[in-house]
Amino acid sequence: MYQNKIELSPQDILEKEFKIDTRGYRLKEVDQFLDVIIGDYEKFYTIINDLEKEKADLLGEIMNLKQELRNLKANAEIINRNGEMPEVTNVDLLRRLSKLEKMVYGKDE
């Protein structure tokens, strides 16, 4: 996402060549400075990738929570209409158990 907005990659900076004339810059200083820039860019890419992964994980979790909320609202409506608990089947129990296991042991999908 953000990588499309960054003009230079670490490789672009590394391969950049400067023209040299009699009153040019000191090459050693330019190289050292570019090394610092390259290091920063590599850190930026790592941070951006980590944040994008975290964002995707959080969006997935939001979707799961929204689905769970919809299911709970539907169950609450059934209870309000009938005045009694809906029939609990083995499938319902297995789903609940599966959700609990995921919450306790982590997401091993």
Protein backbone atom coordinates (compact mmCIF):
# COMPACT_ATOMS: atom_id res chain seq x y z
CA MET A 1 0.00 0.00 0.00
CA TYR A 2 2.55 2.61 1.10
CA GLN A 3 5.28 1.11 -1.06
CA ASN A 4 3.62 2.60 -4.14
CA LYS A 5 4.14 6.08 -2.67
CA ILE A 6 7.85 5.68 -1.95
CA GLU A 7 9.94 6.71 -4.93
CA LEU A 8 13.26 5.12 -4.09
CA SER A 9 13.97 1.58 -3.07
CA PRO A 10 17.10 0.63 -1.14
CA GLN A 11 18.50 -0.79 -4.39
CA ASP A 12 17.84 2.49 -6.26
CA ILE A 13 19.81 4.41 -3.65
CA LEU A 14 22.62 1.86 -3.66
CA GLU A 15 23.01 1.99 -7.42
CA LYS A 16 22.84 5.80 -7.69
CA GLU A 17 26.00 7.23 -9.24
CA PHE A 18 27.05 10.83 -8.85
CA LYS A 19 29.02 12.80 -11.40
CA ILE A 20 32.47 13.72 -10.24
CA ASP A 21 34.18 16.97 -11.10
CA THR A 22 37.15 18.78 -9.67
CA ARG A 23 35.12 20.40 -6.91
CA GLY A 24 32.89 17.40 -6.21
CA TYR A 25 31.75 15.87 -2.98
CA ARG A 26 33.89 13.51 -0.99
CA LEU A 27 32.87 10.06 -2.18
CA LYS A 28 33.46 8.42 1.19
CA GLU A 29 31.05 10.82 2.92
CA VAL A 30 28.41 10.34 0.22
CA ASP A 31 28.73 6.56 0.46
CA GLN A 32 28.42 6.61 4.26
CA PHE A 33 25.36 8.83 4.07
CA LEU A 34 23.75 6.61 1.44
CA ASP A 35 24.41 3.57 3.64
CA VAL A 36 22.43 5.24 6.41
CA ILE A 37 19.59 6.03 3.98
CA ILE A 38 19.53 2.45 2.70
CA GLY A 39 19.35 1.13 6.26
CA ASP A 40 16.44 3.43 7.02
CA TYR A 41 14.57 2.38 3.90
CA GLU A 42 15.00 -1.28 4.76
CA LYS A 43 13.58 -0.57 8.23
CA PHE A 44 10.69 1.36 6.67
CA TYR A 45 9.84 -1.54 4.39
CA THR A 46 9.93 -3.96 7.32
CA ILE A 47 7.73 -1.71 9.46
CA ILE A 48 5.25 -1.17 6.63
CA ASN A 49 5.01 -4.91 5.90
CA ASP A 50 4.50 -5.69 9.59
CA LEU A 51 1.79 -3.04 9.90
CA GLU A 52 0.01 -4.27 6.76
CA LYS A 53 0.01 -7.82 8.14
CA GLU A 54 -1.27 -6.62 11.50
CA LYS A 55 -3.98 -4.59 9.76
CA ALA A 56 -5.10 -7.64 7.76
CA ASP A 57 -5.21 -9.74 10.94
CA LEU A 58 -7.25 -7.09 12.76
CA LEU A 59 -9.68 -6.75 9.85
CA GLY A 60 -10.18 -10.53 9.90
CA GLU A 61 -10.80 -10.44 13.62
CA ILE A 62 -13.30 -7.59 13.18
CA MET A 63 -15.18 -9.61 10.57
CA ASN A 64 -15.32 -12.62 12.89
CA LEU A 65 -16.58 -10.48 15.77
CA LYS A 66 -19.21 -8.86 13.56
CA GLN A 67 -20.43 -12.30 12.47
CA GLU A 68 -20.54 -13.46 16.07
CA LEU A 69 -22.49 -10.33 17.03
CA ARG A 70 -25.00 -10.96 14.22
CA ASN A 71 -25.44 -14.54 15.42
CA LEU A 72 -25.96 -13.41 19.01
CA LYS A 73 -28.50 -10.79 17.95
CA ALA A 74 -30.38 -13.40 15.93
CA ASN A 75 -30.42 -15.74 18.93
CA ALA A 76 -31.62 -12.91 21.18
CA GLU A 77 -34.46 -12.16 18.76
CA ILE A 78 -35.50 -15.82 18.76
CA ILE A 79 -35.48 -15.85 22.55
CA ASN A 80 -37.52 -12.64 22.72
CA ARG A 81 -40.09 -13.99 20.25
CA ASN A 82 -40.47 -17.39 21.81
CA GLY A 83 -39.74 -16.54 25.42
CA GLU A 84 -37.55 -19.60 25.65
CA MET A 85 -34.08 -20.76 24.77
CA PRO A 86 -33.55 -22.06 21.24
CA GLU A 87 -32.86 -25.75 20.88
CA VAL A 88 -29.15 -26.49 21.27
CA THR A 89 -27.85 -29.16 18.93
CA ASN A 90 -24.58 -31.07 18.93
CA VAL A 91 -23.44 -28.93 16.00
CA ASP A 92 -23.98 -25.76 18.06
CA LEU A 93 -21.99 -27.24 20.93
CA LEU A 94 -19.14 -28.25 18.62
CA ARG A 95 -19.01 -24.75 17.11
CA ARG A 96 -18.87 -23.17 20.54
CA LEU A 97 -16.18 -25.60 21.64
CA SER A 98 -14.18 -24.86 18.50
CA LYS A 99 -14.40 -21.10 19.13
CA LEU A 100 -13.29 -21.57 22.72
CA GLU A 101 -10.33 -23.69 21.64
CA LYS A 102 -9.27 -21.02 19.15
CA MET A 103 -9.48 -18.35 21.82
CA VAL A 104 -7.53 -20.41 24.35
CA TYR A 105 -4.90 -22.01 22.10
CA GLY A 106 -4.62 -19.36 19.40
CA LYS A 107 -5.61 -19.36 15.77
CA ASP A 108 -4.39 -22.63 14.26
CA GLU A 109 -6.46 -22.64 11.09
